[in-house]
Amino acid sequence: MVTPILAQMSGSFHAGLLAAADAAEALPKAGGITGSIQVGLAGLGSAIGVGLVGMKASEAVGRNPGAFGKIITLAVLGMALSEAIVFYALFLGGH
């Protein structure tokens, strides 16, 4: 009765070793993904930043329509600076 339990334990241990070996083989292959993740996160942050700038600019124009010219100028400048982060990630993060 003890033998099947030990067999199950040794089988699960063996499966764990195989999974660890598969992970060790996949690790060098995953090393090339880091640049893509970096650019993806920069793009996500940039998209959130552009969305927030646009949201706040439309709120500001709604409160003070006479300041539309100044608000749109600052909003476009803020969006451009936010989008520049993606280009930094592309050019500096690439291999």
PDB file of N, CA and C in Angstrom:
ATOM      1  N   MET A   1       0.806  -1.192   0.000  1.00  0.00           N
ATOM      2  CA  MET A   1       0.000   0.000   0.000  1.00  0.00           C
ATOM      3  C   MET A   1       0.851   1.258   0.000  1.00  0.00           C
ATOM      4  N   VAL A   2       2.012   1.188   0.543  1.00  0.00           N
ATOM      5  CA  VAL A   2       2.907   2.332   0.553  1.00  0.00           C
ATOM      6  C   VAL A   2       3.541   2.533  -0.819  1.00  0.00           C
ATOM      7  N   THR A   3       3.738   1.497  -1.545  1.00  0.00           N
ATOM      8  CA  THR A   3       4.403   1.564  -2.840  1.00  0.00           C
ATOM      9  C   THR A   3       3.694   2.472  -3.846  1.00  0.00           C
ATOM     10  N   PRO A   4       2.359   2.406  -4.029  1.00  0.00           N
ATOM     11  CA  PRO A   4       1.732   3.310  -4.991  1.00  0.00           C
ATOM     12  C   PRO A   4       1.903   4.785  -4.637  1.00  0.00           C
ATOM     13  N   ILE A   5       1.892   5.097  -3.346  1.00  0.00           N
ATOM     14  CA  ILE A   5       2.068   6.497  -2.945  1.00  0.00           C
ATOM     15  C   ILE A   5       3.476   6.961  -3.302  1.00  0.00           C
ATOM     16  N   LEU A   6       4.478   6.117  -3.018  1.00  0.00           N
ATOM     17  CA  LEU A   6       5.841   6.486  -3.367  1.00  0.00           C
ATOM     18  C   LEU A   6       6.006   6.581  -4.883  1.00  0.00           C
ATOM     19  N   ALA A   7       5.325   5.711  -5.608  1.00  0.00           N
ATOM     20  CA  ALA A   7       5.405   5.770  -7.070  1.00  0.00           C
ATOM     21  C   ALA A   7       4.798   7.063  -7.585  1.00  0.00           C
ATOM     22  N   GLN A   8       3.687   7.482  -6.994  1.00  0.00           N
ATOM     23  CA  GLN A   8       3.069   8.739  -7.408  1.00  0.00           C
ATOM     24  C   GLN A   8       3.970   9.915  -7.071  1.00  0.00           C
ATOM     25  N   MET A   9       4.569   9.864  -5.894  1.00  0.00           N
ATOM     26  CA  MET A   9       5.451  10.959  -5.500  1.00  0.00           C
ATOM     27  C   MET A   9       6.661  11.035  -6.416  1.00  0.00           C
ATOM     28  N   SER A  10       7.258   9.891  -6.721  1.00  0.00           N
ATOM     29  CA  SER A  10       8.428   9.913  -7.585  1.00  0.00           C
ATOM     30  C   SER A  10       8.038  10.309  -9.002  1.00  0.00           C
ATOM     31  N   GLY A  11       6.822   9.927  -9.435  1.00  0.00           N
ATOM     32  CA  GLY A  11       6.357  10.338 -10.762  1.00  0.00           C
ATOM     33  C   GLY A  11       6.151  11.833 -10.847  1.00  0.00           C
ATOM     34  N   SER A  12       5.580  12.433  -9.805  1.00  0.00           N
ATOM     35  CA  SER A  12       5.367  13.877  -9.819  1.00  0.00           C
ATOM     36  C   SER A  12       6.698  14.616  -9.715  1.00  0.00           C
ATOM     37  N   PHE A  13       7.650  14.017  -8.965  1.00  0.00           N
ATOM     38  CA  PHE A  13       8.974  14.619  -8.883  1.00  0.00           C
ATOM     39  C   PHE A  13       9.662  14.598 -10.239  1.00  0.00           C
ATOM     40  N   HIS A  14       9.526  13.446 -10.932  1.00  0.00           N
ATOM     41  CA  HIS A  14      10.110  13.321 -12.260  1.00  0.00           C
ATOM     42  C   HIS A  14       9.467  14.322 -13.234  1.00  0.00           C
ATOM     43  N   ALA A  15       8.153  14.490 -13.140  1.00  0.00           N
ATOM     44  CA  ALA A  15       7.461  15.458 -14.005  1.00  0.00           C
ATOM     45  C   ALA A  15       7.928  16.874 -13.694  1.00  0.00           C
ATOM     46  N   GLY A  16       8.180  17.146 -12.416  1.00  0.00           N
ATOM     47  CA  GLY A  16       8.686  18.463 -12.038  1.00  0.00           C
ATOM     48  C   GLY A  16      10.065  18.723 -12.606  1.00  0.00           C
ATOM     49  N   LEU A  17      10.909  17.686 -12.604  1.00  0.00           N
ATOM     50  CA  LEU A  17      12.240  17.841 -13.193  1.00  0.00           C
ATOM     51  C   LEU A  17      12.157  18.082 -14.698  1.00  0.00           C
ATOM     52  N   LEU A  18      11.243  17.366 -15.364  1.00  0.00           N
ATOM     53  CA  LEU A  18      11.073  17.588 -16.799  1.00  0.00           C
ATOM     54  C   LEU A  18      10.575  18.998 -17.096  1.00  0.00           C
ATOM     55  N   ALA A  19       9.659  19.489 -16.282  1.00  0.00           N
ATOM     56  CA  ALA A  19       9.152  20.853 -16.472  1.00  0.00           C
ATOM     57  C   ALA A  19      10.265  21.862 -16.246  1.00  0.00           C
ATOM     58  N   ALA A  20      11.120  21.628 -15.262  1.00  0.00           N
ATOM     59  CA  ALA A  20      12.237  22.536 -15.000  1.00  0.00           C
ATOM     60  C   ALA A  20      13.227  22.512 -16.161  1.00  0.00           C
ATOM     61  N   ALA A  21      13.452  21.341 -16.742  1.00  0.00           N
ATOM     62  CA  ALA A  21      14.363  21.241 -17.881  1.00  0.00           C
ATOM     63  C   ALA A  21      13.786  21.966 -19.095  1.00  0.00           C
ATOM     64  N   ASP A  22      12.467  21.842 -19.302  1.00  0.00           N
ATOM     65  CA  ASP A  22      11.832  22.563 -20.408  1.00  0.00           C
ATOM     66  C   ASP A  22      11.934  24.072 -20.205  1.00  0.00           C
ATOM     67  N   ALA A  23      11.759  24.526 -18.977  1.00  0.00           N
ATOM     68  CA  ALA A  23      11.858  25.953 -18.689  1.00  0.00           C
ATOM     69  C   ALA A  23      13.286  26.437 -18.898  1.00  0.00           C
ATOM     70  N   ALA A  24      14.273  25.619 -18.531  1.00  0.00           N
ATOM     71  CA  ALA A  24      15.672  26.006 -18.721  1.00  0.00           C
ATOM     72  C   ALA A  24      16.020  26.106 -20.204  1.00  0.00           C
ATOM     73  N   GLU A  25      15.420  25.240 -21.036  1.00  0.00           N
ATOM     74  CA  GLU A  25      15.661  25.321 -22.473  1.00  0.00           C
ATOM     75  C   GLU A  25      14.962  26.527 -23.093  1.00  0.00           C
ATOM     76  N   ALA A  26      13.809  26.908 -22.556  1.00  0.00           N
ATOM     77  CA  ALA A  26      13.048  28.022 -23.117  1.00  0.00           C
ATOM     78  C   ALA A  26      13.614  29.373 -22.697  1.00  0.00           C
ATOM     79  N   LEU A  27      14.396  29.416 -21.639  1.00  0.00           N
ATOM     80  CA  LEU A  27      14.908  30.681 -21.135  1.00  0.00           C
ATOM     81  C   LEU A  27      15.770  31.433 -22.147  1.00  0.00           C
ATOM     82  N   PRO A  28      16.736  30.803 -22.811  1.00  0.00           N
ATOM     83  CA  PRO A  28      17.504  31.559 -23.805  1.00  0.00           C
ATOM     84  C   PRO A  28      16.636  32.050 -24.963  1.00  0.00           C
ATOM     85  N   LYS A  29      15.604  31.297 -25.312  1.00  0.00           N
ATOM     86  CA  LYS A  29      14.716  31.727 -26.385  1.00  0.00           C
ATOM     87  C   LYS A  29      13.895  32.936 -25.961  1.00  0.00           C
ATOM     88  N   ALA A  30      13.557  33.033 -24.698  1.00  0.00           N
ATOM     89  CA  ALA A  30      12.747  34.148 -24.190  1.00  0.00           C
ATOM     90  C   ALA A  30      13.580  35.402 -24.020  1.00  0.00           C
ATOM     91  N   GLY A  31      14.888  35.307 -24.086  1.00  0.00           N
ATOM     92  CA  GLY A  31      15.743  36.476 -23.923  1.00  0.00           C
ATOM     93  C   GLY A  31      15.540  37.507 -25.011  1.00  0.00           C
ATOM     94  N   GLY A  32      15.147  37.090 -26.193  1.00  0.00           N
ATOM     95  CA  GLY A  32      14.933  38.029 -27.289  1.00  0.00           C
ATOM     96  C   GLY A  32      13.609  38.760 -27.200  1.00  0.00           C
ATOM     97  N   ILE A  33      12.743  38.356 -26.285  1.00  0.00           N
ATOM     98  CA  ILE A  33      11.428  38.980 -26.176  1.00  0.00           C
ATOM     99  C   ILE A  33      11.491  40.273 -25.379  1.00  0.00           C
ATOM    100  N   THR A  34      12.524  40.480 -24.601  1.00  0.00           N
ATOM    101  CA  THR A  34      12.554  41.612 -23.677  1.00  0.00           C
ATOM    102  C   THR A  34      12.387  42.945 -24.386  1.00  0.00           C
ATOM    103  N   GLY A  35      12.967  43.125 -25.548  1.00  0.00           N
ATOM    104  CA  GLY A  35      12.813  44.374 -26.271  1.00  0.00           C
ATOM    105  C   GLY A  35      11.372  44.602 -26.682  1.00  0.00           C
ATOM    106  N   SER A  36      10.692  43.548 -27.080  1.00  0.00           N
ATOM    107  CA  SER A  36       9.300  43.673 -27.482  1.00  0.00           C
ATOM    108  C   SER A  36       8.422  44.037 -26.302  1.00  0.00           C
ATOM    109  N   ILE A  37       8.686  43.450 -25.150  1.00  0.00           N
ATOM    110  CA  ILE A  37       7.912  43.779 -23.956  1.00  0.00           C
ATOM    111  C   ILE A  37       8.173  45.223 -23.562  1.00  0.00           C
ATOM    112  N   GLN A  38       9.402  45.648 -23.668  1.00  0.00           N
ATOM    113  CA  GLN A  38       9.766  47.012 -23.315  1.00  0.00           C
ATOM    114  C   GLN A  38       9.032  48.010 -24.204  1.00  0.00           C
ATOM    115  N   VAL A  39       9.009  47.761 -25.489  1.00  0.00           N
ATOM    116  CA  VAL A  39       8.330  48.663 -26.423  1.00  0.00           C
ATOM    117  C   VAL A  39       6.820  48.600 -26.207  1.00  0.00           C
ATOM    118  N   GLY A  40       6.295  47.423 -25.919  1.00  0.00           N
ATOM    119  CA  GLY A  40       4.863  47.296 -25.657  1.00  0.00           C
ATOM    120  C   GLY A  40       4.429  48.066 -24.423  1.00  0.00           C
ATOM    121  N   LEU A  41       5.214  47.975 -23.357  1.00  0.00           N
ATOM    122  CA  LEU A  41       4.886  48.725 -22.144  1.00  0.00           C
ATOM    123  C   LEU A  41       5.026  50.225 -22.366  1.00  0.00           C
ATOM    124  N   ALA A  42       6.018  50.631 -23.147  1.00  0.00           N
ATOM    125  CA  ALA A  42       6.155  52.055 -23.458  1.00  0.00           C
ATOM    126  C   ALA A  42       4.968  52.539 -24.281  1.00  0.00           C
ATOM    127  N   GLY A  43       4.515  51.705 -25.221  1.00  0.00           N
ATOM    128  CA  GLY A  43       3.345  52.069 -26.017  1.00  0.00           C
ATOM    129  C   GLY A  43       2.090  52.157 -25.166  1.00  0.00           C
ATOM    130  N   LEU A  44       1.952  51.242 -24.219  1.00  0.00           N
ATOM    131  CA  LEU A  44       0.801  51.279 -23.322  1.00  0.00           C
ATOM    132  C   LEU A  44       0.819  52.542 -22.466  1.00  0.00           C
ATOM    133  N   GLY A  45       1.964  52.864 -21.919  1.00  0.00           N
ATOM    134  CA  GLY A  45       2.079  54.085 -21.110  1.00  0.00           C
ATOM    135  C   GLY A  45       1.833  55.333 -21.924  1.00  0.00           C
ATOM    136  N   SER A  46       2.333  55.346 -23.143  1.00  0.00           N
ATOM    137  CA  SER A  46       2.117  56.486 -24.019  1.00  0.00           C
ATOM    138  C   SER A  46       0.644  56.643 -24.370  1.00  0.00           C
ATOM    139  N   ALA A  47      -0.034  55.542 -24.645  1.00  0.00           N
ATOM    140  CA  ALA A  47      -1.460  55.605 -24.975  1.00  0.00           C
ATOM    141  C   ALA A  47      -2.279  56.121 -23.798  1.00  0.00           C
ATOM    142  N   ILE A  48      -1.928  55.690 -22.603  1.00  0.00           N
ATOM    143  CA  ILE A  48      -2.626  56.188 -21.415  1.00  0.00           C
ATOM    144  C   ILE A  48      -2.362  57.683 -21.243  1.00  0.00           C
ATOM    145  N   GLY A  49      -1.112  58.097 -21.454  1.00  0.00           N
ATOM    146  CA  GLY A  49      -0.764  59.517 -21.327  1.00  0.00           C
ATOM    147  C   GLY A  49      -1.493  60.387 -22.338  1.00  0.00           C
ATOM    148  N   VAL A  50      -1.552  59.942 -23.579  1.00  0.00           N
ATOM    149  CA  VAL A  50      -2.257  60.711 -24.612  1.00  0.00           C
ATOM    150  C   VAL A  50      -3.749  60.789 -24.284  1.00  0.00           C
ATOM    151  N   GLY A  51      -4.305  59.706 -23.800  1.00  0.00           N
ATOM    152  CA  GLY A  51      -5.717  59.706 -23.426  1.00  0.00           C
ATOM    153  C   GLY A  51      -6.012  60.669 -22.286  1.00  0.00           C
ATOM    154  N   LEU A  52      -5.142  60.695 -21.290  1.00  0.00           N
ATOM    155  CA  LEU A  52      -5.340  61.610 -20.171  1.00  0.00           C
ATOM    156  C   LEU A  52      -5.199  63.065 -20.603  1.00  0.00           C
ATOM    157  N   VAL A  53      -4.221  63.345 -21.452  1.00  0.00           N
ATOM    158  CA  VAL A  53      -4.044  64.713 -21.939  1.00  0.00           C
ATOM    159  C   VAL A  53      -5.266  65.153 -22.735  1.00  0.00           C
ATOM    160  N   GLY A  54      -5.759  64.283 -23.608  1.00  0.00           N
ATOM    161  CA  GLY A  54      -6.947  64.614 -24.388  1.00  0.00           C
ATOM    162  C   GLY A  54      -8.171  64.817 -23.520  1.00  0.00           C
ATOM    163  N   MET A  55      -8.322  63.980 -22.498  1.00  0.00           N
ATOM    164  CA  MET A  55      -9.462  64.100 -21.593  1.00  0.00           C
ATOM    165  C   MET A  55      -9.424  65.427 -20.845  1.00  0.00           C
ATOM    166  N   LYS A  56      -8.279  65.756 -20.307  1.00  0.00           N
ATOM    167  CA  LYS A  56      -8.173  66.992 -19.537  1.00  0.00           C
ATOM    168  C   LYS A  56      -8.258  68.226 -20.437  1.00  0.00           C
ATOM    169  N   ALA A  57      -7.771  68.122 -21.664  1.00  0.00           N
ATOM    170  CA  ALA A  57      -7.888  69.254 -22.590  1.00  0.00           C
ATOM    171  C   ALA A  57      -9.344  69.505 -22.945  1.00  0.00           C
ATOM    172  N   SER A  58     -10.100  68.457 -23.187  1.00  0.00           N
ATOM    173  CA  SER A  58     -11.519  68.652 -23.504  1.00  0.00           C
ATOM    174  C   SER A  58     -12.285  69.190 -22.293  1.00  0.00           C
ATOM    175  N   GLU A  59     -11.920  68.782 -21.092  1.00  0.00           N
ATOM    176  CA  GLU A  59     -12.531  69.350 -19.889  1.00  0.00           C
ATOM    177  C   GLU A  59     -12.214  70.832 -19.770  1.00  0.00           C
ATOM    178  N   ALA A  60     -10.966  71.190 -20.033  1.00  0.00           N
ATOM    179  CA  ALA A  60     -10.554  72.587 -19.916  1.00  0.00           C
ATOM    180  C   ALA A  60     -11.265  73.457 -20.947  1.00  0.00           C
ATOM    181  N   VAL A  61     -11.417  72.968 -22.162  1.00  0.00           N
ATOM    182  CA  VAL A  61     -12.124  73.734 -23.196  1.00  0.00           C
ATOM    183  C   VAL A  61     -13.601  73.848 -22.832  1.00  0.00           C
ATOM    184  N   GLY A  62     -14.154  72.818 -22.237  1.00  0.00           N
ATOM    185  CA  GLY A  62     -15.545  72.882 -21.799  1.00  0.00           C
ATOM    186  C   GLY A  62     -15.764  73.920 -20.711  1.00  0.00           C
ATOM    187  N   ARG A  63     -14.794  74.116 -19.853  1.00  0.00           N
ATOM    188  CA  ARG A  63     -14.913  75.098 -18.774  1.00  0.00           C
ATOM    189  C   ARG A  63     -14.621  76.512 -19.256  1.00  0.00           C
ATOM    190  N   ASN A  64     -13.690  76.638 -20.207  1.00  0.00           N
ATOM    191  CA  ASN A  64     -13.296  77.964 -20.686  1.00  0.00           C
ATOM    192  C   ASN A  64     -13.091  77.910 -22.201  1.00  0.00           C
ATOM    193  N   PRO A  65     -14.162  78.023 -22.969  1.00  0.00           N
ATOM    194  CA  PRO A  65     -14.042  77.916 -24.426  1.00  0.00           C
ATOM    195  C   PRO A  65     -13.188  79.009 -25.061  1.00  0.00           C
ATOM    196  N   GLY A  66     -13.046  80.130 -24.384  1.00  0.00           N
ATOM    197  CA  GLY A  66     -12.244  81.232 -24.935  1.00  0.00           C
ATOM    198  C   GLY A  66     -10.753  80.917 -24.971  1.00  0.00           C
ATOM    199  N   ALA A  67     -10.303  79.970 -24.168  1.00  0.00           N
ATOM    200  CA  ALA A  67      -8.877  79.621 -24.110  1.00  0.00           C
ATOM    201  C   ALA A  67      -8.557  78.423 -24.994  1.00  0.00           C
ATOM    202  N   PHE A  68      -9.388  78.177 -26.002  1.00  0.00           N
ATOM    203  CA  PHE A  68      -9.205  76.991 -26.851  1.00  0.00           C
ATOM    204  C   PHE A  68      -7.826  76.945 -27.495  1.00  0.00           C
ATOM    205  N   GLY A  69      -7.369  78.061 -28.048  1.00  0.00           N
ATOM    206  CA  GLY A  69      -6.080  78.084 -28.749  1.00  0.00           C
ATOM    207  C   GLY A  69      -4.912  77.705 -27.865  1.00  0.00           C
ATOM    208  N   LYS A  70      -4.878  78.271 -26.666  1.00  0.00           N
ATOM    209  CA  LYS A  70      -3.784  77.970 -25.747  1.00  0.00           C
ATOM    210  C   LYS A  70      -3.863  76.527 -25.250  1.00  0.00           C
ATOM    211  N   ILE A  71      -5.081  76.082 -24.995  1.00  0.00           N
ATOM    212  CA  ILE A  71      -5.257  74.713 -24.474  1.00  0.00           C
ATOM    213  C   ILE A  71      -4.851  73.685 -25.520  1.00  0.00           C
ATOM    214  N   ILE A  72      -5.285  73.882 -26.763  1.00  0.00           N
ATOM    215  CA  ILE A  72      -4.961  72.892 -27.800  1.00  0.00           C
ATOM    216  C   ILE A  72      -3.454  72.868 -28.077  1.00  0.00           C
ATOM    217  N   THR A  73      -2.815  74.027 -27.972  1.00  0.00           N
ATOM    218  CA  THR A  73      -1.363  74.073 -28.179  1.00  0.00           C
ATOM    219  C   THR A  73      -0.640  73.252 -27.108  1.00  0.00           C
ATOM    220  N   LEU A  74      -1.028  73.464 -25.863  1.00  0.00           N
ATOM    221  CA  LEU A  74      -0.393  72.711 -24.775  1.00  0.00           C
ATOM    222  C   LEU A  74      -0.746  71.230 -24.838  1.00  0.00           C
ATOM    223  N   ALA A  75      -1.973  70.911 -25.261  1.00  0.00           N
ATOM    224  CA  ALA A  75      -2.382  69.511 -25.355  1.00  0.00           C
ATOM    225  C   ALA A  75      -1.593  68.782 -26.439  1.00  0.00           C
ATOM    226  N   VAL A  76      -1.434  69.408 -27.581  1.00  0.00           N
ATOM    227  CA  VAL A  76      -0.671  68.772 -28.665  1.00  0.00           C
ATOM    228  C   VAL A  76       0.791  68.597 -28.246  1.00  0.00           C
ATOM    229  N   LEU A  77       1.348  69.575 -27.577  1.00  0.00           N
ATOM    230  CA  LEU A  77       2.722  69.458 -27.092  1.00  0.00           C
ATOM    231  C   LEU A  77       2.853  68.324 -26.074  1.00  0.00           C
ATOM    232  N   GLY A  78       1.896  68.224 -25.162  1.00  0.00           N
ATOM    233  CA  GLY A  78       1.917  67.139 -24.174  1.00  0.00           C
ATOM    234  C   GLY A  78       1.769  65.773 -24.814  1.00  0.00           C
ATOM    235  N   MET A  79       0.913  65.681 -25.841  1.00  0.00           N
ATOM    236  CA  MET A  79       0.741  64.399 -26.539  1.00  0.00           C
ATOM    237  C   MET A  79       2.006  64.013 -27.295  1.00  0.00           C
ATOM    238  N   ALA A  80       2.652  64.987 -27.900  1.00  0.00           N
ATOM    239  CA  ALA A  80       3.887  64.696 -28.639  1.00  0.00           C
ATOM    240  C   ALA A  80       4.986  64.216 -27.697  1.00  0.00           C
ATOM    241  N   LEU A  81       5.091  64.850 -26.535  1.00  0.00           N
ATOM    242  CA  LEU A  81       6.103  64.411 -25.572  1.00  0.00           C
ATOM    243  C   LEU A  81       5.793  63.021 -25.030  1.00  0.00           C
ATOM    244  N   SER A  82       4.518  62.728 -24.860  1.00  0.00           N
ATOM    245  CA  SER A  82       4.132  61.393 -24.388  1.00  0.00           C
ATOM    246  C   SER A  82       4.430  60.334 -25.444  1.00  0.00           C
ATOM    247  N   GLU A  83       4.194  60.647 -26.696  1.00  0.00           N
ATOM    248  CA  GLU A  83       4.472  59.687 -27.768  1.00  0.00           C
ATOM    249  C   GLU A  83       5.957  59.500 -28.011  1.00  0.00           C
ATOM    250  N   ALA A  84       6.762  60.477 -27.626  1.00  0.00           N
ATOM    251  CA  ALA A  84       8.211  60.360 -27.821  1.00  0.00           C
ATOM    252  C   ALA A  84       8.784  59.216 -26.998  1.00  0.00           C
ATOM    253  N   ILE A  85       8.115  58.849 -25.920  1.00  0.00           N
ATOM    254  CA  ILE A  85       8.593  57.751 -25.069  1.00  0.00           C
ATOM    255  C   ILE A  85       8.664  56.458 -25.870  1.00  0.00           C
ATOM    256  N   VAL A  86       7.702  56.235 -26.749  1.00  0.00           N
ATOM    257  CA  VAL A  86       7.697  55.017 -27.563  1.00  0.00           C
ATOM    258  C   VAL A  86       8.895  55.004 -28.502  1.00  0.00           C
ATOM    259  N   PHE A  87       9.213  56.151 -29.076  1.00  0.00           N
ATOM    260  CA  PHE A  87      10.356  56.197 -29.989  1.00  0.00           C
ATOM    261  C   PHE A  87      11.665  55.972 -29.238  1.00  0.00           C
ATOM    262  N   TYR A  88      11.762  56.495 -28.017  1.00  0.00           N
ATOM    263  CA  TYR A  88      12.953  56.214 -27.208  1.00  0.00           C
ATOM    264  C   TYR A  88      13.066  54.715 -26.944  1.00  0.00           C
ATOM    265  N   ALA A  89      11.958  54.092 -26.620  1.00  0.00           N
ATOM    266  CA  ALA A  89      11.968  52.647 -26.354  1.00  0.00           C
ATOM    267  C   ALA A  89      12.345  51.860 -27.604  1.00  0.00           C
ATOM    268  N   LEU A  90      11.849  52.295 -28.770  1.00  0.00           N
ATOM    269  CA  LEU A  90      12.182  51.600 -30.016  1.00  0.00           C
ATOM    270  C   LEU A  90      13.648  51.717 -30.372  1.00  0.00           C
ATOM    271  N   PHE A  91      14.189  52.921 -30.288  1.00  0.00           N
ATOM    272  CA  PHE A  91      15.552  53.151 -30.739  1.00  0.00           C
ATOM    273  C   PHE A  91      16.597  52.745 -29.703  1.00  0.00           C
ATOM    274  N   LEU A  92      16.319  52.985 -28.436  1.00  0.00           N
ATOM    275  CA  LEU A  92      17.302  52.667 -27.414  1.00  0.00           C
ATOM    276  C   LEU A  92      17.161  51.253 -26.874  1.00  0.00           C
ATOM    277  N   GLY A  93      15.959  50.693 -26.956  1.00  0.00           N
ATOM    278  CA  GLY A  93      15.730  49.363 -26.405  1.00  0.00           C
ATOM    279  C   GLY A  93      15.978  48.248 -27.395  1.00  0.00           C
ATOM    280  N   GLY A  94      16.139  48.569 -28.663  1.00  0.00           N
ATOM    281  CA  GLY A  94      16.337  47.537 -29.676  1.00  0.00           C
ATOM    282  C   GLY A  94      17.703  46.877 -29.547  1.00  0.00           C
ATOM    283  N   HIS A  95      17.813  45.713 -30.134  1.00  0.00           N
ATOM    284  CA  HIS A  95      19.069  44.957 -30.051  1.00  0.00           C
ATOM    285  C   HIS A  95      19.979  45.349 -31.177  1.00  0.00           C
TER     286      HIS A  95
END
